[in-house]
Amino acid sequence: WYRQVPGKQRELVARIVSGGSTNYADSVKGRFTISR
């Protein structure tokens, strides 16, 4: 998941690979959870 606001670059929010490993932007750690 990426996000974008007007006038700014699109930024990564969270990512998950097939095996389940995840990584998050520092700004959302502890608040957002990605799953598949």
PDB file of all heavy atoms in Angstrom:
ATOM      1  N   TRP A   1       0.858  -1.176   0.000  1.00  0.00           N
ATOM      2  CA  TRP A   1       0.000   0.000   0.000  1.00  0.00           C
ATOM      3  C   TRP A   1       0.896   1.228   0.000  1.00  0.00           C
ATOM      4  O   TRP A   1       1.827   1.327   0.804  1.00  0.00           O
ATOM      5  CB  TRP A   1      -0.911   0.024   1.217  1.00  0.00           C
ATOM      6  CG  TRP A   1      -2.000  -0.986   1.190  1.00  0.00           C
ATOM      7  CD1 TRP A   1      -2.012  -2.209   1.781  1.00  0.00           C
ATOM      8  CD2 TRP A   1      -3.264  -0.851   0.534  1.00  0.00           C
ATOM      9  NE1 TRP A   1      -3.196  -2.852   1.529  1.00  0.00           N
ATOM     10  CE2 TRP A   1      -3.989  -2.034   0.759  1.00  0.00           C
ATOM     11  CE3 TRP A   1      -3.866   0.153  -0.242  1.00  0.00           C
ATOM     12  CZ2 TRP A   1      -5.267  -2.250   0.259  1.00  0.00           C
ATOM     13  CZ3 TRP A   1      -5.136  -0.066  -0.745  1.00  0.00           C
ATOM     14  CH2 TRP A   1      -5.823  -1.247  -0.497  1.00  0.00           C
ATOM     15  N   TYR A   2       0.603   2.139  -0.902  1.00  0.00           N
ATOM     16  CA  TYR A   2       1.260   3.436  -0.973  1.00  0.00           C
ATOM     17  C   TYR A   2       0.203   4.508  -0.761  1.00  0.00           C
ATOM     18  O   TYR A   2      -0.994   4.243  -0.896  1.00  0.00           O
ATOM     19  CB  TYR A   2       1.931   3.630  -2.335  1.00  0.00           C
ATOM     20  CG  TYR A   2       3.209   2.865  -2.529  1.00  0.00           C
ATOM     21  CD1 TYR A   2       3.194   1.485  -2.682  1.00  0.00           C
ATOM     22  CD2 TYR A   2       4.437   3.517  -2.580  1.00  0.00           C
ATOM     23  CE1 TYR A   2       4.371   0.770  -2.863  1.00  0.00           C
ATOM     24  CE2 TYR A   2       5.624   2.815  -2.770  1.00  0.00           C
ATOM     25  CZ  TYR A   2       5.581   1.445  -2.911  1.00  0.00           C
ATOM     26  OH  TYR A   2       6.749   0.757  -3.089  1.00  0.00           O
ATOM     27  N   ARG A   3       0.646   5.702  -0.455  1.00  0.00           N
ATOM     28  CA  ARG A   3      -0.283   6.817  -0.347  1.00  0.00           C
ATOM     29  C   ARG A   3       0.343   8.082  -0.920  1.00  0.00           C
ATOM     30  O   ARG A   3       1.568   8.220  -0.971  1.00  0.00           O
ATOM     31  CB  ARG A   3      -0.730   7.048   1.104  1.00  0.00           C
ATOM     32  CG  ARG A   3       0.367   7.504   2.056  1.00  0.00           C
ATOM     33  CD  ARG A   3      -0.180   7.534   3.477  1.00  0.00           C
ATOM     34  NE  ARG A   3       0.824   7.990   4.431  1.00  0.00           N
ATOM     35  CZ  ARG A   3       0.668   7.975   5.760  1.00  0.00           C
ATOM     36  NH1 ARG A   3      -0.472   7.521   6.287  1.00  0.00           N
ATOM     37  NH2 ARG A   3       1.629   8.397   6.548  1.00  0.00           N
ATOM     38  N   GLN A   4      -0.531   8.980  -1.311  1.00  0.00           N
ATOM     39  CA  GLN A   4      -0.065  10.208  -1.945  1.00  0.00           C
ATOM     40  C   GLN A   4      -1.010  11.341  -1.624  1.00  0.00           C
ATOM     41  O   GLN A   4      -2.234  11.182  -1.661  1.00  0.00           O
ATOM     42  CB  GLN A   4       0.032  10.029  -3.460  1.00  0.00           C
ATOM     43  CG  GLN A   4       0.712  11.173  -4.186  1.00  0.00           C
ATOM     44  CD  GLN A   4       0.976  10.845  -5.637  1.00  0.00           C
ATOM     45  OE1 GLN A   4       0.304  10.012  -6.250  1.00  0.00           O
ATOM     46  NE2 GLN A   4       1.983  11.490  -6.216  1.00  0.00           N
ATOM     47  N   VAL A   5      -0.419  12.493  -1.283  1.00  0.00           N
ATOM     48  CA  VAL A   5      -1.180  13.715  -1.111  1.00  0.00           C
ATOM     49  C   VAL A   5      -0.760  14.676  -2.203  1.00  0.00           C
ATOM     50  O   VAL A   5       0.354  14.578  -2.734  1.00  0.00           O
ATOM     51  CB  VAL A   5      -0.963  14.340   0.279  1.00  0.00           C
ATOM     52  CG1 VAL A   5      -1.449  13.389   1.363  1.00  0.00           C
ATOM     53  CG2 VAL A   5       0.503  14.683   0.514  1.00  0.00           C
ATOM     54  N   PRO A   6      -1.625  15.609  -2.558  1.00  0.00           N
ATOM     55  CA  PRO A   6      -1.292  16.532  -3.655  1.00  0.00           C
ATOM     56  C   PRO A   6       0.018  17.258  -3.393  1.00  0.00           C
ATOM     57  O   PRO A   6       0.268  17.739  -2.278  1.00  0.00           O
ATOM     58  CB  PRO A   6      -2.483  17.488  -3.665  1.00  0.00           C
ATOM     59  CG  PRO A   6      -3.605  16.691  -3.132  1.00  0.00           C
ATOM     60  CD  PRO A   6      -3.004  15.810  -2.080  1.00  0.00           C
ATOM     61  N   GLY A   7       0.865  17.309  -4.404  1.00  0.00           N
ATOM     62  CA  GLY A   7       2.119  18.031  -4.302  1.00  0.00           C
ATOM     63  C   GLY A   7       3.257  17.249  -3.693  1.00  0.00           C
ATOM     64  O   GLY A   7       4.369  17.773  -3.580  1.00  0.00           O
ATOM     65  N   LYS A   8       2.979  16.010  -3.288  1.00  0.00           N
ATOM     66  CA  LYS A   8       4.030  15.185  -2.684  1.00  0.00           C
ATOM     67  C   LYS A   8       4.191  13.887  -3.448  1.00  0.00           C
ATOM     68  O   LYS A   8       3.295  13.445  -4.164  1.00  0.00           O
ATOM     69  CB  LYS A   8       3.718  14.901  -1.218  1.00  0.00           C
ATOM     70  CG  LYS A   8       3.785  16.117  -0.321  1.00  0.00           C
ATOM     71  CD  LYS A   8       3.696  15.729   1.147  1.00  0.00           C
ATOM     72  CE  LYS A   8       3.859  16.936   2.050  1.00  0.00           C
ATOM     73  NZ  LYS A   8       3.817  16.556   3.492  1.00  0.00           N
ATOM     74  N   GLN A   9       5.352  13.268  -3.253  1.00  0.00           N
ATOM     75  CA  GLN A   9       5.598  11.984  -3.896  1.00  0.00           C
ATOM     76  C   GLN A   9       4.794  10.880  -3.223  1.00  0.00           C
ATOM     77  O   GLN A   9       4.484  10.953  -2.027  1.00  0.00           O
ATOM     78  CB  GLN A   9       7.092  11.637  -3.815  1.00  0.00           C
ATOM     79  CG  GLN A   9       7.971  12.422  -4.772  1.00  0.00           C
ATOM     80  CD  GLN A   9       9.393  11.885  -4.816  1.00  0.00           C
ATOM     81  OE1 GLN A   9       9.902  11.389  -3.818  1.00  0.00           O
ATOM     82  NE2 GLN A   9      10.035  11.971  -5.966  1.00  0.00           N
ATOM     83  N   ARG A  10       4.486   9.883  -4.016  1.00  0.00           N
ATOM     84  CA  ARG A  10       3.829   8.708  -3.470  1.00  0.00           C
ATOM     85  C   ARG A  10       4.811   8.013  -2.519  1.00  0.00           C
ATOM     86  O   ARG A  10       5.985   7.853  -2.838  1.00  0.00           O
ATOM     87  CB  ARG A  10       3.414   7.772  -4.602  1.00  0.00           C
ATOM     88  CG  ARG A  10       2.433   6.705  -4.233  1.00  0.00           C
ATOM     89  CD  ARG A  10       1.933   5.978  -5.465  1.00  0.00           C
ATOM     90  NE  ARG A  10       1.153   6.844  -6.338  1.00  0.00           N
ATOM     91  CZ  ARG A  10       0.482   6.424  -7.397  1.00  0.00           C
ATOM     92  NH1 ARG A  10       0.509   5.125  -7.723  1.00  0.00           N
ATOM     93  NH2 ARG A  10      -0.204   7.258  -8.141  1.00  0.00           N
ATOM     94  N   GLU A  11       4.305   7.607  -1.350  1.00  0.00           N
ATOM     95  CA  GLU A  11       5.181   6.997  -0.367  1.00  0.00           C
ATOM     96  C   GLU A  11       4.671   5.623   0.042  1.00  0.00           C
ATOM     97  O   GLU A  11       3.458   5.388   0.088  1.00  0.00           O
ATOM     98  CB  GLU A  11       5.301   7.878   0.879  1.00  0.00           C
ATOM     99  CG  GLU A  11       4.019   8.077   1.646  1.00  0.00           C
ATOM    100  CD  GLU A  11       4.219   8.823   2.963  1.00  0.00           C
ATOM    101  OE1 GLU A  11       5.357   9.216   3.268  1.00  0.00           O
ATOM    102  OE2 GLU A  11       3.228   8.983   3.695  1.00  0.00           O
ATOM    103  N   LEU A  12       5.609   4.746   0.351  1.00  0.00           N
ATOM    104  CA  LEU A  12       5.252   3.412   0.818  1.00  0.00           C
ATOM    105  C   LEU A  12       4.664   3.491   2.223  1.00  0.00           C
ATOM    106  O   LEU A  12       5.225   4.137   3.107  1.00  0.00           O
ATOM    107  CB  LEU A  12       6.484   2.509   0.833  1.00  0.00           C
ATOM    108  CG  LEU A  12       6.283   1.114   1.417  1.00  0.00           C
ATOM    109  CD1 LEU A  12       5.372   0.278   0.529  1.00  0.00           C
ATOM    110  CD2 LEU A  12       7.622   0.420   1.628  1.00  0.00           C
ATOM    111  N   VAL A  13       3.547   2.805   2.409  1.00  0.00           N
ATOM    112  CA  VAL A  13       2.929   2.710   3.730  1.00  0.00           C
ATOM    113  C   VAL A  13       3.291   1.370   4.367  1.00  0.00           C
ATOM    114  O   VAL A  13       3.757   1.298   5.494  1.00  0.00           O
ATOM    115  CB  VAL A  13       1.409   2.849   3.635  1.00  0.00           C
ATOM    116  CG1 VAL A  13       0.765   2.639   5.003  1.00  0.00           C
ATOM    117  CG2 VAL A  13       1.028   4.196   3.051  1.00  0.00           C
ATOM    118  N   ALA A  14       3.066   0.295   3.620  1.00  0.00           N
ATOM    119  CA  ALA A  14       3.337  -1.046   4.135  1.00  0.00           C
ATOM    120  C   ALA A  14       3.454  -2.005   2.968  1.00  0.00           C
ATOM    121  O   ALA A  14       2.882  -1.774   1.899  1.00  0.00           O
ATOM    122  CB  ALA A  14       2.228  -1.505   5.078  1.00  0.00           C
ATOM    123  N   ARG A  15       4.179  -3.103   3.203  1.00  0.00           N
ATOM    124  CA  ARG A  15       4.404  -4.090   2.154  1.00  0.00           C
ATOM    125  C   ARG A  15       4.437  -5.471   2.786  1.00  0.00           C
ATOM    126  O   ARG A  15       4.916  -5.630   3.919  1.00  0.00           O
ATOM    127  CB  ARG A  15       5.708  -3.787   1.430  1.00  0.00           C
ATOM    128  CG  ARG A  15       6.079  -4.736   0.310  1.00  0.00           C
ATOM    129  CD  ARG A  15       7.227  -4.171  -0.507  1.00  0.00           C
ATOM    130  NE  ARG A  15       8.337  -3.781   0.339  1.00  0.00           N
ATOM    131  CZ  ARG A  15       9.186  -2.797   0.037  1.00  0.00           C
ATOM    132  NH1 ARG A  15       9.033  -2.110  -1.070  1.00  0.00           N
ATOM    133  NH2 ARG A  15      10.176  -2.515   0.845  1.00  0.00           N
ATOM    134  N   ILE A  16       3.943  -6.453   2.046  1.00  0.00           N
ATOM    135  CA  ILE A  16       3.956  -7.836   2.533  1.00  0.00           C
ATOM    136  C   ILE A  16       4.271  -8.752   1.360  1.00  0.00           C
ATOM    137  O   ILE A  16       3.700  -8.631   0.286  1.00  0.00           O
ATOM    138  CB  ILE A  16       2.602  -8.197   3.195  1.00  0.00           C
ATOM    139  CG1 ILE A  16       2.649  -9.605   3.790  1.00  0.00           C
ATOM    140  CG2 ILE A  16       1.434  -8.036   2.232  1.00  0.00           C
ATOM    141  CD1 ILE A  16       1.459  -9.902   4.708  1.00  0.00           C
ATOM    142  N   VAL A  17       5.211  -9.662   1.591  1.00  0.00           N
ATOM    143  CA  VAL A  17       5.553 -10.609   0.550  1.00  0.00           C
ATOM    144  C   VAL A  17       4.779 -11.910   0.753  1.00  0.00           C
ATOM    145  O   VAL A  17       4.082 -12.071   1.757  1.00  0.00           O
ATOM    146  CB  VAL A  17       7.072 -10.889   0.512  1.00  0.00           C
ATOM    147  CG1 VAL A  17       7.823  -9.613   0.162  1.00  0.00           C
ATOM    148  CG2 VAL A  17       7.555 -11.472   1.821  1.00  0.00           C
ATOM    149  N   SER A  18       4.927 -12.814  -0.185  1.00  0.00           N
ATOM    150  CA  SER A  18       4.123 -14.021  -0.169  1.00  0.00           C
ATOM    151  C   SER A  18       4.274 -14.825   1.106  1.00  0.00           C
ATOM    152  O   SER A  18       3.283 -15.355   1.630  1.00  0.00           O
ATOM    153  CB  SER A  18       4.494 -14.898  -1.373  1.00  0.00           C
ATOM    154  OG  SER A  18       3.768 -16.097  -1.365  1.00  0.00           O
ATOM    155  N   GLY A  19       5.487 -14.883   1.652  1.00  0.00           N
ATOM    156  CA  GLY A  19       5.721 -15.666   2.862  1.00  0.00           C
ATOM    157  C   GLY A  19       5.239 -15.014   4.128  1.00  0.00           C
ATOM    158  O   GLY A  19       5.233 -15.642   5.197  1.00  0.00           O
ATOM    159  N   GLY A  20       4.828 -13.745   4.035  1.00  0.00           N
ATOM    160  CA  GLY A  20       4.261 -13.058   5.182  1.00  0.00           C
ATOM    161  C   GLY A  20       5.137 -11.986   5.799  1.00  0.00           C
ATOM    162  O   GLY A  20       4.685 -11.267   6.687  1.00  0.00           O
ATOM    163  N   SER A  21       6.379 -11.858   5.351  1.00  0.00           N
ATOM    164  CA  SER A  21       7.237 -10.798   5.896  1.00  0.00           C
ATOM    165  C   SER A  21       6.671  -9.434   5.531  1.00  0.00           C
ATOM    166  O   SER A  21       6.189  -9.232   4.419  1.00  0.00           O
ATOM    167  CB  SER A  21       8.651 -10.933   5.337  1.00  0.00           C
ATOM    168  OG  SER A  21       9.247 -12.132   5.761  1.00  0.00           O
ATOM    169  N   THR A  22       6.762  -8.527   6.497  1.00  0.00           N
ATOM    170  CA  THR A  22       6.177  -7.197   6.305  1.00  0.00           C
ATOM    171  C   THR A  22       7.196  -6.105   6.621  1.00  0.00           C
ATOM    172  O   THR A  22       8.172  -6.322   7.344  1.00  0.00           O
ATOM    173  CB  THR A  22       4.964  -6.993   7.220  1.00  0.00           C
ATOM    174  OG1 THR A  22       5.386  -7.122   8.585  1.00  0.00           O
ATOM    175  CG2 THR A  22       3.882  -8.016   6.930  1.00  0.00           C
ATOM    176  N   ASN A  23       6.955  -4.937   6.070  1.00  0.00           N
ATOM    177  CA  ASN A  23       7.661  -3.749   6.519  1.00  0.00           C
ATOM    178  C   ASN A  23       6.721  -2.559   6.406  1.00  0.00           C
ATOM    179  O   ASN A  23       5.786  -2.558   5.595  1.00  0.00           O
ATOM    180  CB  ASN A  23       8.981  -3.518   5.781  1.00  0.00           C
ATOM    181  CG  ASN A  23       8.816  -3.335   4.305  1.00  0.00           C
ATOM    182  OD1 ASN A  23       8.502  -4.272   3.589  1.00  0.00           O
ATOM    183  ND2 ASN A  23       9.009  -2.112   3.841  1.00  0.00           N
ATOM    184  N   TYR A  24       6.970  -1.573   7.262  1.00  0.00           N
ATOM    185  CA  TYR A  24       6.078  -0.416   7.415  1.00  0.00           C
ATOM    186  C   TYR A  24       6.866   0.882   7.399  1.00  0.00           C
ATOM    187  O   TYR A  24       8.024   0.939   7.812  1.00  0.00           O
ATOM    188  CB  TYR A  24       5.335  -0.500   8.751  1.00  0.00           C
ATOM    189  CG  TYR A  24       4.400  -1.666   8.898  1.00  0.00           C
ATOM    190  CD1 TYR A  24       4.842  -2.864   9.437  1.00  0.00           C
ATOM    191  CD2 TYR A  24       3.056  -1.559   8.517  1.00  0.00           C
ATOM    192  CE1 TYR A  24       3.987  -3.940   9.578  1.00  0.00           C
ATOM    193  CE2 TYR A  24       2.194  -2.630   8.664  1.00  0.00           C
ATOM    194  CZ  TYR A  24       2.668  -3.818   9.194  1.00  0.00           C
ATOM    195  OH  TYR A  24       1.806  -4.880   9.335  1.00  0.00           O
ATOM    196  N   ALA A  25       6.205   1.921   6.967  1.00  0.00           N
ATOM    197  CA  ALA A  25       6.749   3.254   7.141  1.00  0.00           C
ATOM    198  C   ALA A  25       6.775   3.572   8.634  1.00  0.00           C
ATOM    199  O   ALA A  25       5.879   3.160   9.381  1.00  0.00           O
ATOM    200  CB  ALA A  25       5.882   4.276   6.408  1.00  0.00           C
ATOM    201  N   ASP A  26       7.779   4.308   9.062  1.00  0.00           N
ATOM    202  CA  ASP A  26       7.891   4.639  10.482  1.00  0.00           C
ATOM    203  C   ASP A  26       6.653   5.361  10.994  1.00  0.00           C
ATOM    204  O   ASP A  26       6.254   5.184  12.148  1.00  0.00           O
ATOM    205  CB  ASP A  26       9.132   5.509  10.724  1.00  0.00           C
ATOM    206  CG  ASP A  26      10.428   4.729  10.600  1.00  0.00           C
ATOM    207  OD1 ASP A  26      10.388   3.476  10.660  1.00  0.00           O
ATOM    208  OD2 ASP A  26      11.479   5.373  10.441  1.00  0.00           O
ATOM    209  N   SER A  27       6.041   6.145  10.145  1.00  0.00           N
ATOM    210  CA  SER A  27       4.904   6.970  10.559  1.00  0.00           C
ATOM    211  C   SER A  27       3.656   6.157  10.885  1.00  0.00           C
ATOM    212  O   SER A  27       2.731   6.676  11.516  1.00  0.00           O
ATOM    213  CB  SER A  27       4.577   7.986   9.465  1.00  0.00           C
ATOM    214  OG  SER A  27       4.264   7.334   8.254  1.00  0.00           O
ATOM    215  N   VAL A  28       3.612   4.898  10.457  1.00  0.00           N
ATOM    216  CA  VAL A  28       2.409   4.092  10.695  1.00  0.00           C
ATOM    217  C   VAL A  28       2.675   2.882  11.584  1.00  0.00           C
ATOM    218  O   VAL A  28       1.734   2.155  11.933  1.00  0.00           O
ATOM    219  CB  VAL A  28       1.770   3.625   9.365  1.00  0.00           C
ATOM    220  CG1 VAL A  28       1.523   4.818   8.447  1.00  0.00           C
ATOM    221  CG2 VAL A  28       2.605   2.570   8.679  1.00  0.00           C
ATOM    222  N   LYS A  29       3.919   2.660  11.958  1.00  0.00           N
ATOM    223  CA  LYS A  29       4.242   1.495  12.793  1.00  0.00           C
ATOM    224  C   LYS A  29       3.455   1.541  14.094  1.00  0.00           C
ATOM    225  O   LYS A  29       3.364   2.581  14.743  1.00  0.00           O
ATOM    226  CB  LYS A  29       5.739   1.452  13.090  1.00  0.00           C
ATOM    227  CG  LYS A  29       6.585   0.976  11.932  1.00  0.00           C
ATOM    228  CD  LYS A  29       8.066   0.942  12.299  1.00  0.00           C
ATOM    229  CE  LYS A  29       8.912   0.459  11.134  1.00  0.00           C
ATOM    230  NZ  LYS A  29      10.356   0.487  11.450  1.00  0.00           N
ATOM    231  N   GLY A  30       2.894   0.402  14.446  1.00  0.00           N
ATOM    232  CA  GLY A  30       2.109   0.313  15.670  1.00  0.00           C
ATOM    233  C   GLY A  30       0.658   0.722  15.508  1.00  0.00           C
ATOM    234  O   GLY A  30      -0.152   0.504  16.411  1.00  0.00           O
ATOM    235  N   ARG A  31       0.310   1.314  14.363  1.00  0.00           N
ATOM    236  CA  ARG A  31      -1.072   1.738  14.129  1.00  0.00           C
ATOM    237  C   ARG A  31      -1.715   0.988  12.960  1.00  0.00           C
ATOM    238  O   ARG A  31      -2.906   0.707  12.975  1.00  0.00           O
ATOM    239  CB  ARG A  31      -1.114   3.246  13.834  1.00  0.00           C
ATOM    240  CG  ARG A  31      -0.583   4.108  14.955  1.00  0.00           C
ATOM    241  CD  ARG A  31      -0.849   5.592  14.678  1.00  0.00           C
ATOM    242  NE  ARG A  31      -0.160   6.060  13.483  1.00  0.00           N
ATOM    243  CZ  ARG A  31      -0.791   6.614  12.431  1.00  0.00           C
ATOM    244  NH1 ARG A  31      -2.097   6.757  12.433  1.00  0.00           N
ATOM    245  NH2 ARG A  31      -0.089   7.039  11.387  1.00  0.00           N
ATOM    246  N   PHE A  32      -0.910   0.688  11.943  1.00  0.00           N
ATOM    247  CA  PHE A  32      -1.412   0.007  10.746  1.00  0.00           C
ATOM    248  C   PHE A  32      -0.908  -1.424  10.722  1.00  0.00           C
ATOM    249  O   PHE A  32       0.219  -1.703  11.152  1.00  0.00           O
ATOM    250  CB  PHE A  32      -0.932   0.706   9.482  1.00  0.00           C
ATOM    251  CG  PHE A  32      -1.516   2.065   9.232  1.00  0.00           C
ATOM    252  CD1 PHE A  32      -2.273   2.734  10.186  1.00  0.00           C
ATOM    253  CD2 PHE A  32      -1.323   2.680   8.004  1.00  0.00           C
ATOM    254  CE1 PHE A  32      -2.805   3.993   9.943  1.00  0.00           C
ATOM    255  CE2 PHE A  32      -1.851   3.933   7.734  1.00  0.00           C
ATOM    256  CZ  PHE A  32      -2.581   4.586   8.713  1.00  0.00           C
ATOM    257  N   THR A  33      -1.726  -2.301  10.180  1.00  0.00           N
ATOM    258  CA  THR A  33      -1.331  -3.700  10.014  1.00  0.00           C
ATOM    259  C   THR A  33      -1.700  -4.164   8.612  1.00  0.00           C
ATOM    260  O   THR A  33      -2.870  -4.050   8.205  1.00  0.00           O
ATOM    261  CB  THR A  33      -2.023  -4.603  11.040  1.00  0.00           C
ATOM    262  OG1 THR A  33      -1.710  -4.165  12.362  1.00  0.00           O
ATOM    263  CG2 THR A  33      -1.562  -6.042  10.885  1.00  0.00           C
ATOM    264  N   ILE A  34      -0.718  -4.690   7.898  1.00  0.00           N
ATOM    265  CA  ILE A  34      -0.968  -5.250   6.574  1.00  0.00           C
ATOM    266  C   ILE A  34      -1.044  -6.766   6.691  1.00  0.00           C
ATOM    267  O   ILE A  34      -0.290  -7.385   7.447  1.00  0.00           O
ATOM    268  CB  ILE A  34       0.125  -4.819   5.566  1.00  0.00           C
ATOM    269  CG1 ILE A  34      -0.279  -5.198   4.142  1.00  0.00           C
ATOM    270  CG2 ILE A  34       1.494  -5.382   5.946  1.00  0.00           C
ATOM    271  CD1 ILE A  34       0.624  -4.577   3.071  1.00  0.00           C
ATOM    272  N   SER A  35      -1.975  -7.344   5.956  1.00  0.00           N
ATOM    273  CA  SER A  35      -2.124  -8.793   5.958  1.00  0.00           C
ATOM    274  C   SER A  35      -2.609  -9.224   4.578  1.00  0.00           C
ATOM    275  O   SER A  35      -3.020  -8.391   3.766  1.00  0.00           O
ATOM    276  CB  SER A  35      -3.105  -9.252   7.040  1.00  0.00           C
ATOM    277  OG  SER A  35      -4.388  -8.689   6.826  1.00  0.00           O
ATOM    278  N   ARG A  36      -2.572 -10.523   4.334  1.00  0.00           N
ATOM    279  CA  ARG A  36      -2.991 -11.007   3.024  1.00  0.00           C
ATOM    280  C   ARG A  36      -3.644 -12.372   3.145  1.00  0.00           C
ATOM    281  O   ARG A  36      -3.352 -13.135   4.076  1.00  0.00           O
ATOM    282  CB  ARG A  36      -1.807 -11.072   2.059  1.00  0.00           C
ATOM    283  CG  ARG A  36      -0.698 -12.020   2.465  1.00  0.00           C
ATOM    284  CD  ARG A  36       0.516 -11.871   1.543  1.00  0.00           C
ATOM    285  NE  ARG A  36       0.234 -12.375   0.187  1.00  0.00           N
ATOM    286  CZ  ARG A  36       0.997 -12.098  -0.871  1.00  0.00           C
ATOM    287  NH1 ARG A  36       2.061 -11.312  -0.745  1.00  0.00           N
ATOM    288  NH2 ARG A  36       0.698 -12.604  -2.054  1.00  0.00           N
TER     289      ARG A  36
END
